[in-house]
Amino acid sequence: MRKIALLVLPFIMFSCVKKEVKIPTLGEKGIQEIQNHSQVWLFFEVKNNDTIAVVNRKNTISTTHWIYNIDKRLPLKTIIPSIITLQDKHANSMHSEKGMHDYFSYSDTISKKLSFLAFDGVTFINDGLSSKQFIETHKNDYLNYNNINLFFNKNKIWINEVETDKSNFKTALSAILAITLENKKPILHLNFNQNLLYQDYLFYRTIIHAIGTKNILINHNEFIFNKNKV
């Protein structure tokens, strides 16, 4: 079986065409060995002054785990539509196999290794809906939880009505969760600005993944919003 190799630099070379993907660099540990995998590449490119994501999945095999190597400079609005399509292909193609997962790759600055975050259980919603609207239309499903809505923008983060920033996010969220755990079980609802860079998206997702436990739930729906429409 194939094993993914260690990473010593914060970028990966796609050897066939000698393209470079600058993957996120993060200070959170993740999964560090995956056997039986294929790789998906999303390259950063500028065309007519617009940033676009160029996808290459020519060597993917449905019966393997898929590792997504995504350039950290890409905004979410350029990659989420492709990720949604690829998730569907991996899960529902003729030769798909149960137990095969989707992973984001990143460079872990703690272990100095290539690390991975599983996301195959995530459903990305990019139709303009926010978690607040979603909860309102599915209120009976969330009555027994302490619902915490997180909105991630470039410079500001809102945790319900509490404003914080990137440098203080982990501390602020931990403090709020410490209080809410005394009452109903909390569930985190994640909303990401469509202009947020993939580097920042994965920064927040790895922190939240590390915090999530059986006592702290994370909604599998992730909402990608346009700030002008929320």
C-alpha atoms as a PDB file:
ATOM      1  CA  MET A   1       0.000   0.000   0.000  1.00  0.00           C
ATOM      2  CA  ARG A   2       1.154   3.544  -0.666  1.00  0.00           C
ATOM      3  CA  LYS A   3       2.138   5.724   2.259  1.00  0.00           C
ATOM      4  CA  ILE A   4       2.300   9.495   2.114  1.00  0.00           C
ATOM      5  CA  ALA A   5       5.824  10.823   2.720  1.00  0.00           C
ATOM      6  CA  LEU A   6       7.059  13.372   5.253  1.00  0.00           C
ATOM      7  CA  LEU A   7       7.111  17.038   4.304  1.00  0.00           C
ATOM      8  CA  VAL A   8      10.051  19.305   5.017  1.00  0.00           C
ATOM      9  CA  LEU A   9       8.865  22.387   3.105  1.00  0.00           C
ATOM     10  CA  PRO A  10       5.478  24.207   3.181  1.00  0.00           C
ATOM     11  CA  PHE A  11       4.754  23.408  -0.452  1.00  0.00           C
ATOM     12  CA  ILE A  12       4.286  20.318  -2.608  1.00  0.00           C
ATOM     13  CA  MET A  13       5.451  19.905  -6.184  1.00  0.00           C
ATOM     14  CA  PHE A  14       3.132  18.357  -8.758  1.00  0.00           C
ATOM     15  CA  SER A  15       5.869  16.681 -10.771  1.00  0.00           C
ATOM     16  CA  CYS A  16       4.046  16.016 -14.056  1.00  0.00           C
ATOM     17  CA  VAL A  17       3.810  19.696 -14.936  1.00  0.00           C
ATOM     18  CA  LYS A  18       6.197  21.051 -12.281  1.00  0.00           C
ATOM     19  CA  LYS A  19       3.518  23.143 -10.609  1.00  0.00           C
ATOM     20  CA  GLU A  20       3.752  24.203  -6.971  1.00  0.00           C
ATOM     21  CA  VAL A  21       1.026  24.129  -4.323  1.00  0.00           C
ATOM     22  CA  LYS A  22       1.701  26.212  -1.211  1.00  0.00           C
ATOM     23  CA  ILE A  23      -0.229  24.275   1.407  1.00  0.00           C
ATOM     24  CA  PRO A  24      -1.307  25.818   4.760  1.00  0.00           C
ATOM     25  CA  THR A  25       1.230  25.923   7.585  1.00  0.00           C
ATOM     26  CA  LEU A  26      -0.426  25.302  10.969  1.00  0.00           C
ATOM     27  CA  GLY A  27       0.537  24.679  14.572  1.00  0.00           C
ATOM     28  CA  GLU A  28      -1.968  21.867  15.174  1.00  0.00           C
ATOM     29  CA  LYS A  29      -1.256  18.149  15.064  1.00  0.00           C
ATOM     30  CA  GLY A  30      -3.304  15.995  12.718  1.00  0.00           C
ATOM     31  CA  ILE A  31      -3.287  12.539  11.179  1.00  0.00           C
ATOM     32  CA  GLN A  32       0.221  11.839   9.907  1.00  0.00           C
ATOM     33  CA  GLU A  33       0.030   8.596   7.970  1.00  0.00           C
ATOM     34  CA  ILE A  34      -2.499   7.519   5.356  1.00  0.00           C
ATOM     35  CA  GLN A  35      -2.235   4.337   3.356  1.00  0.00           C
ATOM     36  CA  ASN A  36      -3.908   3.602   0.020  1.00  0.00           C
ATOM     37  CA  HIS A  37      -4.485   7.140  -1.193  1.00  0.00           C
ATOM     38  CA  SER A  38      -4.873   9.291  -4.307  1.00  0.00           C
ATOM     39  CA  GLN A  39      -4.155  13.005  -4.533  1.00  0.00           C
ATOM     40  CA  VAL A  40      -6.272  15.939  -5.692  1.00  0.00           C
ATOM     41  CA  TRP A  41      -4.558  19.218  -6.555  1.00  0.00           C
ATOM     42  CA  LEU A  42      -6.063  22.719  -6.494  1.00  0.00           C
ATOM     43  CA  PHE A  43      -3.574  25.215  -7.902  1.00  0.00           C
ATOM     44  CA  PHE A  44      -3.512  28.988  -7.445  1.00  0.00           C
ATOM     45  CA  GLU A  45      -3.702  30.918 -10.705  1.00  0.00           C
ATOM     46  CA  VAL A  46      -4.461  34.503 -11.723  1.00  0.00           C
ATOM     47  CA  LYS A  47      -6.351  34.992 -14.976  1.00  0.00           C
ATOM     48  CA  ASN A  48      -7.596  38.372 -16.216  1.00  0.00           C
ATOM     49  CA  ASN A  49      -6.897  39.817 -12.740  1.00  0.00           C
ATOM     50  CA  ASP A  50      -9.114  37.182 -11.107  1.00  0.00           C
ATOM     51  CA  THR A  51      -7.883  34.484  -8.739  1.00  0.00           C
ATOM     52  CA  ILE A  52      -9.022  31.041  -9.850  1.00  0.00           C
ATOM     53  CA  ALA A  53      -8.508  27.474  -8.664  1.00  0.00           C
ATOM     54  CA  VAL A  54      -7.219  25.001 -11.237  1.00  0.00           C
ATOM     55  CA  VAL A  55      -8.181  21.426 -10.357  1.00  0.00           C
ATOM     56  CA  ASN A  56      -6.209  18.314 -11.263  1.00  0.00           C
ATOM     57  CA  ARG A  57      -7.573  14.909 -10.209  1.00  0.00           C
ATOM     58  CA  LYS A  58      -6.338  12.830 -13.161  1.00  0.00           C
ATOM     59  CA  ASN A  59      -4.743  10.198 -10.944  1.00  0.00           C
ATOM     60  CA  THR A  60      -7.549   9.754  -8.408  1.00  0.00           C
ATOM     61  CA  ILE A  61      -8.951   6.279  -7.788  1.00  0.00           C
ATOM     62  CA  SER A  62     -12.397   5.932  -6.213  1.00  0.00           C
ATOM     63  CA  THR A  63     -11.371   2.948  -4.080  1.00  0.00           C
ATOM     64  CA  THR A  64      -8.678   4.951  -2.235  1.00  0.00           C
ATOM     65  CA  HIS A  65      -8.623   7.760   0.303  1.00  0.00           C
ATOM     66  CA  TRP A  66      -8.396  11.180  -1.367  1.00  0.00           C
ATOM     67  CA  ILE A  67      -5.895  13.772  -0.156  1.00  0.00           C
ATOM     68  CA  TYR A  68      -6.672  17.363  -1.174  1.00  0.00           C
ATOM     69  CA  ASN A  69      -3.561  19.514  -1.672  1.00  0.00           C
ATOM     70  CA  ILE A  70      -5.002  23.026  -1.880  1.00  0.00           C
ATOM     71  CA  ASP A  71      -3.035  26.244  -2.271  1.00  0.00           C
ATOM     72  CA  LYS A  72      -3.368  28.350   0.869  1.00  0.00           C
ATOM     73  CA  ARG A  73      -3.757  31.586  -1.144  1.00  0.00           C
ATOM     74  CA  LEU A  74      -7.079  30.562  -2.673  1.00  0.00           C
ATOM     75  CA  PRO A  75     -10.264  32.154  -1.268  1.00  0.00           C
ATOM     76  CA  LEU A  76     -13.064  29.772  -0.326  1.00  0.00           C
ATOM     77  CA  LYS A  77     -15.366  30.969  -3.102  1.00  0.00           C
ATOM     78  CA  THR A  78     -12.886  29.615  -5.675  1.00  0.00           C
ATOM     79  CA  ILE A  79     -12.527  26.137  -4.160  1.00  0.00           C
ATOM     80  CA  ILE A  80     -15.793  25.167  -2.445  1.00  0.00           C
ATOM     81  CA  PRO A  81     -17.767  24.433  -5.669  1.00  0.00           C
ATOM     82  CA  SER A  82     -14.976  22.094  -6.841  1.00  0.00           C
ATOM     83  CA  ILE A  83     -14.721  20.408  -3.437  1.00  0.00           C
ATOM     84  CA  ILE A  84     -18.484  19.763  -3.398  1.00  0.00           C
ATOM     85  CA  THR A  85     -18.278  18.166  -6.857  1.00  0.00           C
ATOM     86  CA  LEU A  86     -15.243  16.061  -5.922  1.00  0.00           C
ATOM     87  CA  GLN A  87     -16.839  14.877  -2.670  1.00  0.00           C
ATOM     88  CA  ASP A  88     -19.809  13.622  -4.654  1.00  0.00           C
ATOM     89  CA  LYS A  89     -17.613  11.850  -7.214  1.00  0.00           C
ATOM     90  CA  HIS A  90     -15.596  10.123  -4.501  1.00  0.00           C
ATOM     91  CA  ALA A  91     -18.617   9.003  -2.504  1.00  0.00           C
ATOM     92  CA  ASN A  92     -21.052   8.122  -5.275  1.00  0.00           C
ATOM     93  CA  SER A  93     -19.172   6.961  -8.356  1.00  0.00           C
ATOM     94  CA  MET A  94     -19.693   3.461  -9.745  1.00  0.00           C
ATOM     95  CA  HIS A  95     -16.508   2.135  -8.106  1.00  0.00           C
ATOM     96  CA  SER A  96     -16.708   4.029  -4.797  1.00  0.00           C
ATOM     97  CA  GLU A  97     -15.880   2.008  -1.724  1.00  0.00           C
ATOM     98  CA  LYS A  98     -17.136   2.513   1.841  1.00  0.00           C
ATOM     99  CA  GLY A  99     -14.549   3.506   4.405  1.00  0.00           C
ATOM    100  CA  MET A 100     -12.574   5.727   2.028  1.00  0.00           C
ATOM    101  CA  HIS A 101     -12.186   9.264   3.356  1.00  0.00           C
ATOM    102  CA  ASP A 102     -11.408  12.788   2.141  1.00  0.00           C
ATOM    103  CA  TYR A 103      -8.538  14.691   3.798  1.00  0.00           C
ATOM    104  CA  PHE A 104      -7.146  18.216   3.659  1.00  0.00           C
ATOM    105  CA  SER A 105      -3.331  18.345   3.790  1.00  0.00           C
ATOM    106  CA  TYR A 106      -1.220  20.894   5.663  1.00  0.00           C
ATOM    107  CA  SER A 107       2.286  21.364   7.035  1.00  0.00           C
ATOM    108  CA  ASP A 108       2.375  20.808  10.809  1.00  0.00           C
ATOM    109  CA  THR A 109       4.949  23.141  12.378  1.00  0.00           C
ATOM    110  CA  ILE A 110       4.973  21.164  15.649  1.00  0.00           C
ATOM    111  CA  SER A 111       6.007  17.782  14.284  1.00  0.00           C
ATOM    112  CA  LYS A 112       7.523  19.170  11.058  1.00  0.00           C
ATOM    113  CA  LYS A 113       5.456  16.644   9.120  1.00  0.00           C
ATOM    114  CA  LEU A 114       2.719  16.612   6.521  1.00  0.00           C
ATOM    115  CA  SER A 115      -0.576  16.264   8.408  1.00  0.00           C
ATOM    116  CA  PHE A 116      -4.185  15.651   7.444  1.00  0.00           C
ATOM    117  CA  LEU A 117      -7.675  16.663   8.546  1.00  0.00           C
ATOM    118  CA  ALA A 118     -10.606  14.449   7.548  1.00  0.00           C
ATOM    119  CA  PHE A 119     -13.635  16.262   6.135  1.00  0.00           C
ATOM    120  CA  ASP A 120     -15.713  13.613   4.361  1.00  0.00           C
ATOM    121  CA  GLY A 121     -18.552  14.104   6.861  1.00  0.00           C
ATOM    122  CA  VAL A 122     -18.832  17.810   6.037  1.00  0.00           C
ATOM    123  CA  THR A 123     -21.612  19.235   3.863  1.00  0.00           C
ATOM    124  CA  PHE A 124     -20.724  22.647   2.439  1.00  0.00           C
ATOM    125  CA  ILE A 125     -23.700  24.967   1.969  1.00  0.00           C
ATOM    126  CA  ASN A 126     -22.968  27.943  -0.294  1.00  0.00           C
ATOM    127  CA  ASP A 127     -26.459  29.039  -1.312  1.00  0.00           C
ATOM    128  CA  GLY A 128     -26.515  32.124   0.924  1.00  0.00           C
ATOM    129  CA  LEU A 129     -28.048  30.401   3.948  1.00  0.00           C
ATOM    130  CA  SER A 130     -26.501  31.032   7.379  1.00  0.00           C
ATOM    131  CA  SER A 131     -26.564  28.712  10.377  1.00  0.00           C
ATOM    132  CA  LYS A 132     -28.991  31.040  12.161  1.00  0.00           C
ATOM    133  CA  GLN A 133     -31.498  30.676   9.332  1.00  0.00           C
ATOM    134  CA  PHE A 134     -30.858  26.937   9.180  1.00  0.00           C
ATOM    135  CA  ILE A 135     -31.539  26.531  12.908  1.00  0.00           C
ATOM    136  CA  GLU A 136     -34.712  28.580  12.589  1.00  0.00           C
ATOM    137  CA  THR A 137     -36.080  26.292   9.872  1.00  0.00           C
ATOM    138  CA  HIS A 138     -35.005  23.147  11.770  1.00  0.00           C
ATOM    139  CA  LYS A 139     -35.667  24.450  15.282  1.00  0.00           C
ATOM    140  CA  ASN A 140     -37.088  21.193  16.633  1.00  0.00           C
ATOM    141  CA  ASP A 141     -33.777  19.448  15.930  1.00  0.00           C
ATOM    142  CA  TYR A 142     -31.818  21.936  18.028  1.00  0.00           C
ATOM    143  CA  LEU A 143     -34.087  22.689  20.996  1.00  0.00           C
ATOM    144  CA  ASN A 144     -32.076  20.513  23.364  1.00  0.00           C
ATOM    145  CA  TYR A 145     -28.710  22.078  22.507  1.00  0.00           C
ATOM    146  CA  ASN A 146     -26.879  25.253  23.363  1.00  0.00           C
ATOM    147  CA  ASN A 147     -26.430  26.572  19.823  1.00  0.00           C
ATOM    148  CA  ILE A 148     -23.228  28.538  19.253  1.00  0.00           C
ATOM    149  CA  ASN A 149     -23.013  30.329  15.908  1.00  0.00           C
ATOM    150  CA  LEU A 150     -19.516  31.211  14.737  1.00  0.00           C
ATOM    151  CA  PHE A 151     -18.999  33.691  11.894  1.00  0.00           C
ATOM    152  CA  PHE A 152     -15.480  33.899  10.463  1.00  0.00           C
ATOM    153  CA  ASN A 153     -14.440  37.007   8.536  1.00  0.00           C
ATOM    154  CA  LYS A 154     -11.003  38.190   7.483  1.00  0.00           C
ATOM    155  CA  ASN A 155     -10.375  40.418  10.508  1.00  0.00           C
ATOM    156  CA  LYS A 156     -13.249  39.663  12.870  1.00  0.00           C
ATOM    157  CA  ILE A 157     -14.878  36.583  14.331  1.00  0.00           C
ATOM    158  CA  TRP A 158     -18.222  36.456  16.063  1.00  0.00           C
ATOM    159  CA  ILE A 159     -19.018  33.737  18.601  1.00  0.00           C
ATOM    160  CA  ASN A 160     -22.724  34.387  19.063  1.00  0.00           C
ATOM    161  CA  GLU A 161     -22.637  38.033  20.214  1.00  0.00           C
ATOM    162  CA  VAL A 162     -18.988  38.027  21.302  1.00  0.00           C
ATOM    163  CA  GLU A 163     -16.496  39.654  18.942  1.00  0.00           C
ATOM    164  CA  THR A 164     -12.904  38.412  18.821  1.00  0.00           C
ATOM    165  CA  ASP A 165     -10.031  38.067  16.355  1.00  0.00           C
ATOM    166  CA  LYS A 166      -7.740  35.370  15.004  1.00  0.00           C
ATOM    167  CA  SER A 167      -5.072  35.703  17.693  1.00  0.00           C
ATOM    168  CA  ASN A 168      -7.603  35.405  20.535  1.00  0.00           C
ATOM    169  CA  PHE A 169     -10.043  32.965  18.936  1.00  0.00           C
ATOM    170  CA  LYS A 170      -8.967  29.773  20.698  1.00  0.00           C
ATOM    171  CA  THR A 171      -8.975  31.417  24.138  1.00  0.00           C
ATOM    172  CA  ALA A 172     -12.334  33.124  23.562  1.00  0.00           C
ATOM    173  CA  LEU A 173     -14.038  29.965  22.308  1.00  0.00           C
ATOM    174  CA  SER A 174     -12.649  27.854  25.160  1.00  0.00           C
ATOM    175  CA  ALA A 175     -13.925  30.395  27.712  1.00  0.00           C
ATOM    176  CA  ILE A 176     -17.424  30.420  26.206  1.00  0.00           C
ATOM    177  CA  LEU A 177     -17.542  26.626  26.036  1.00  0.00           C
ATOM    178  CA  ALA A 178     -16.471  26.349  29.681  1.00  0.00           C
ATOM    179  CA  ILE A 179     -19.568  28.320  30.657  1.00  0.00           C
ATOM    180  CA  THR A 180     -22.022  26.639  28.291  1.00  0.00           C
ATOM    181  CA  LEU A 181     -20.969  23.123  29.319  1.00  0.00           C
ATOM    182  CA  GLU A 182     -22.671  23.778  32.647  1.00  0.00           C
ATOM    183  CA  ASN A 183     -26.039  23.852  30.887  1.00  0.00           C
ATOM    184  CA  LYS A 184     -27.158  22.131  27.661  1.00  0.00           C
ATOM    185  CA  LYS A 185     -24.681  20.281  25.463  1.00  0.00           C
ATOM    186  CA  PRO A 186     -23.153  22.842  23.058  1.00  0.00           C
ATOM    187  CA  ILE A 187     -23.143  22.448  19.296  1.00  0.00           C
ATOM    188  CA  LEU A 188     -20.944  24.640  17.109  1.00  0.00           C
ATOM    189  CA  HIS A 189     -22.371  25.997  13.844  1.00  0.00           C
ATOM    190  CA  LEU A 190     -19.652  27.223  11.471  1.00  0.00           C
ATOM    191  CA  ASN A 191     -20.076  30.105   9.012  1.00  0.00           C
ATOM    192  CA  PHE A 192     -17.158  31.169   6.801  1.00  0.00           C
ATOM    193  CA  ASN A 193     -16.901  34.313   4.695  1.00  0.00           C
ATOM    194  CA  GLN A 194     -16.529  33.262   1.044  1.00  0.00           C
ATOM    195  CA  ASN A 195     -13.523  35.607   0.718  1.00  0.00           C
ATOM    196  CA  LEU A 196     -11.630  33.965   3.570  1.00  0.00           C
ATOM    197  CA  LEU A 197      -8.371  32.422   2.399  1.00  0.00           C
ATOM    198  CA  TYR A 198      -7.980  28.659   2.619  1.00  0.00           C
ATOM    199  CA  GLN A 199      -4.996  29.146   4.986  1.00  0.00           C
ATOM    200  CA  ASP A 200      -7.276  30.884   7.507  1.00  0.00           C
ATOM    201  CA  TYR A 201     -10.143  28.456   6.956  1.00  0.00           C
ATOM    202  CA  LEU A 202      -7.959  25.476   7.825  1.00  0.00           C
ATOM    203  CA  PHE A 203      -6.431  27.361  10.770  1.00  0.00           C
ATOM    204  CA  TYR A 204      -9.884  27.657  12.354  1.00  0.00           C
ATOM    205  CA  ARG A 205     -11.001  24.162  11.347  1.00  0.00           C
ATOM    206  CA  THR A 206      -8.005  22.440  12.948  1.00  0.00           C
ATOM    207  CA  ILE A 207      -8.557  24.347  16.205  1.00  0.00           C
ATOM    208  CA  ILE A 208     -12.257  23.467  16.240  1.00  0.00           C
ATOM    209  CA  HIS A 209     -11.509  19.841  15.419  1.00  0.00           C
ATOM    210  CA  ALA A 210      -9.119  19.688  18.381  1.00  0.00           C
ATOM    211  CA  ILE A 211     -11.775  21.169  20.693  1.00  0.00           C
ATOM    212  CA  GLY A 212     -14.646  18.942  19.533  1.00  0.00           C
ATOM    213  CA  THR A 213     -15.478  16.013  21.847  1.00  0.00           C
ATOM    214  CA  LYS A 214     -18.516  13.891  22.660  1.00  0.00           C
ATOM    215  CA  ASN A 215     -19.562  16.771  24.940  1.00  0.00           C
ATOM    216  CA  ILE A 216     -18.985  19.469  22.306  1.00  0.00           C
ATOM    217  CA  LEU A 217     -20.693  18.758  19.001  1.00  0.00           C
ATOM    218  CA  ILE A 218     -19.911  20.293  15.608  1.00  0.00           C
ATOM    219  CA  ASN A 219     -22.635  20.683  12.994  1.00  0.00           C
ATOM    220  CA  HIS A 220     -21.591  18.717   9.892  1.00  0.00           C
ATOM    221  CA  ASN A 221     -23.068  21.525   7.754  1.00  0.00           C
ATOM    222  CA  GLU A 222     -20.632  24.358   7.053  1.00  0.00           C
ATOM    223  CA  PHE A 223     -22.067  27.602   5.707  1.00  0.00           C
ATOM    224  CA  ILE A 224     -20.091  29.656   3.179  1.00  0.00           C
ATOM    225  CA  PHE A 225     -21.585  33.143   3.173  1.00  0.00           C
ATOM    226  CA  ASN A 226     -21.427  36.370   1.206  1.00  0.00           C
ATOM    227  CA  LYS A 227     -21.040  39.156   3.765  1.00  0.00           C
ATOM    228  CA  ASN A 228     -23.252  41.466   1.703  1.00  0.00           C
ATOM    229  CA  LYS A 229     -26.144  39.005   1.861  1.00  0.00           C
ATOM    230  CA  VAL A 230     -26.088  37.957   5.521  1.00  0.00           C
END
